[in-house]
Amino acid sequence: MTFQYGSEANRMIEIVTIAAGAAISGGVELRSRRPRGLAVETPGTWTTADIGLQVSHDNTNWTPVADEFGNRIKISGIATGAAKLYVFPAGAWAVLPYPYFRLESLDIADGTAENQAAARTLKVVMLV
């Protein structure tokens, strides 16, 4: 028996870009999609930074996603020099009630915006 995980029917991939000299990606529209899993594939040329989430009701006004203690929900320890897939921690499910979310490149020391040295294309992978 062969088991195949992640068919096209239960996986969605959105391509987003963080522009050169910027720290924010374009928005990902969720609307009727309610992912059960959220991950991001980073390029090997990633400028050292964590990846956080922001949410929006209107794709214009954005709010950072944080836990009950005010700590940003983020992926830390991102390797540079090799493309990798990283799974967001459980707190990332806070994006579900919102129709839009986007990714933010965050300084690993203080959590402020960390601009990418060149345009970076990321794949947002959602299990739906």
Protein backbone atom coordinates (compact mmCIF):
# COMPACT_ATOMS: atom_id res chain seq x y z
CA MET A 1 0.00 0.00 0.00
CA THR A 2 1.33 3.43 -0.94
CA PHE A 3 0.39 6.44 1.13
CA GLN A 4 0.71 9.81 -0.53
CA TYR A 5 0.68 12.89 1.68
CA GLY A 6 -0.27 16.34 0.41
CA SER A 7 -2.30 15.97 -2.73
CA GLU A 8 -3.23 19.00 -4.81
CA ALA A 9 -6.76 18.80 -3.39
CA ASN A 10 -5.65 19.51 0.18
CA ARG A 11 -2.69 21.81 -0.38
CA MET A 12 -2.55 25.42 -1.53
CA ILE A 13 0.61 27.33 -2.33
CA GLU A 14 0.68 31.12 -2.54
CA ILE A 15 3.76 32.91 -3.87
CA VAL A 16 4.57 36.20 -2.14
CA THR A 17 7.48 38.59 -2.56
CA ILE A 18 9.27 40.89 -0.17
CA ALA A 19 10.77 43.65 -2.33
CA ALA A 20 14.43 44.65 -2.16
CA GLY A 21 14.92 47.07 0.72
CA ALA A 22 11.54 46.13 2.25
CA ALA A 23 10.40 43.89 5.10
CA ILE A 24 6.75 43.16 4.20
CA SER A 25 5.27 40.73 1.67
CA GLY A 26 2.14 41.19 -0.33
CA GLY A 27 -1.08 40.00 1.28
CA VAL A 28 -2.44 36.46 1.08
CA GLU A 29 -6.21 36.28 0.76
CA LEU A 30 -7.84 33.60 2.88
CA ARG A 31 -11.55 34.43 2.52
CA SER A 32 -13.26 31.03 2.45
CA ARG A 33 -10.01 29.05 2.88
CA ARG A 34 -9.44 27.85 6.42
CA PRO A 35 -6.00 26.24 6.52
CA ARG A 36 -5.21 23.45 8.98
CA GLY A 37 -1.50 24.01 8.57
CA LEU A 38 0.69 26.97 7.65
CA ALA A 39 4.32 26.91 6.54
CA VAL A 40 6.68 29.04 4.47
CA GLU A 41 9.49 28.04 2.15
CA THR A 42 12.36 30.50 2.23
CA PRO A 43 14.94 31.03 -0.51
CA GLY A 44 18.61 30.25 0.09
CA THR A 45 19.39 33.93 -0.32
CA TRP A 46 17.32 35.01 2.71
CA THR A 47 18.80 37.97 4.63
CA THR A 48 19.10 36.84 8.28
CA ALA A 49 15.75 37.55 9.94
CA ASP A 50 12.79 35.90 11.65
CA ILE A 51 9.41 35.74 9.89
CA GLY A 52 6.33 37.14 11.60
CA LEU A 53 2.69 37.45 10.60
CA GLN A 54 0.36 40.40 10.22
CA VAL A 55 -3.43 40.21 9.70
CA SER A 56 -6.00 42.53 8.12
CA HIS A 57 -9.75 42.82 7.67
CA ASP A 58 -9.40 44.99 4.55
CA ASN A 59 -5.93 44.35 3.01
CA THR A 60 -5.02 47.95 3.96
CA ASN A 61 -4.75 48.21 7.76
CA TRP A 62 -2.46 45.58 9.30
CA THR A 63 -1.95 44.26 12.83
CA PRO A 64 0.99 42.12 14.03
CA VAL A 65 0.06 38.67 15.40
CA ALA A 66 1.20 38.15 19.00
CA ASP A 67 0.53 35.65 21.78
CA GLU A 68 -1.26 36.36 25.07
CA PHE A 69 1.96 37.79 26.53
CA GLY A 70 2.53 40.21 23.64
CA ASN A 71 5.31 38.16 22.03
CA ARG A 72 5.26 38.05 18.24
CA ILE A 73 4.22 34.77 16.63
CA LYS A 74 7.17 34.02 14.37
CA ILE A 75 9.53 31.53 12.85
CA SER A 76 13.04 31.88 14.29
CA GLY A 77 16.38 30.33 13.37
CA ILE A 78 15.96 30.60 9.62
CA ALA A 79 19.02 29.30 7.81
CA THR A 80 20.62 31.30 5.05
CA GLY A 81 22.40 29.66 2.15
CA ALA A 82 19.78 26.94 1.55
CA ALA A 83 16.08 26.96 0.74
CA LYS A 84 14.03 25.37 3.53
CA LEU A 85 10.43 24.84 4.58
CA TYR A 86 9.49 26.13 8.04
CA VAL A 87 6.24 25.40 9.89
CA PHE A 88 4.64 28.24 11.85
CA PRO A 89 4.02 27.62 15.58
CA ALA A 90 0.51 26.94 16.88
CA GLY A 91 -0.22 30.63 17.59
CA ALA A 92 -0.24 31.27 13.84
CA TRP A 93 -3.81 29.94 13.75
CA ALA A 94 -4.84 33.42 14.91
CA VAL A 95 -4.88 34.36 11.21
CA LEU A 96 -8.01 32.23 10.63
CA PRO A 97 -10.70 34.82 11.48
CA TYR A 98 -9.09 37.35 9.13
CA PRO A 99 -9.55 37.48 5.37
CA TYR A 100 -5.90 38.53 4.78
CA PHE A 101 -2.45 37.91 6.21
CA ARG A 102 1.09 38.75 5.14
CA LEU A 103 4.64 37.93 6.15
CA GLU A 104 7.09 40.28 7.82
CA SER A 105 10.88 40.02 7.96
CA LEU A 106 11.89 40.74 11.60
CA ASP A 107 15.26 41.61 13.11
CA ILE A 108 16.42 38.64 15.18
CA ALA A 109 17.67 40.87 18.03
CA ASP A 110 14.87 43.36 18.60
CA GLY A 111 11.93 42.23 16.44
CA THR A 112 11.76 45.41 14.38
CA ALA A 113 11.39 45.31 10.59
CA GLU A 114 14.46 43.81 8.88
CA ASN A 115 14.71 44.85 5.24
CA GLN A 116 15.76 42.17 2.78
CA ALA A 117 18.89 42.95 0.74
CA ALA A 118 17.19 41.90 -2.52
CA ALA A 119 13.72 40.82 -3.62
CA ARG A 120 12.81 37.52 -1.91
CA THR A 121 10.17 35.14 -3.20
CA LEU A 122 8.57 32.95 -0.56
CA LYS A 123 6.09 30.08 -0.91
CA VAL A 124 3.30 30.07 1.65
CA VAL A 125 2.06 26.49 1.99
CA MET A 126 -1.36 25.83 3.50
CA LEU A 127 -3.09 22.51 4.19
CA VAL A 128 -6.76 23.06 3.51
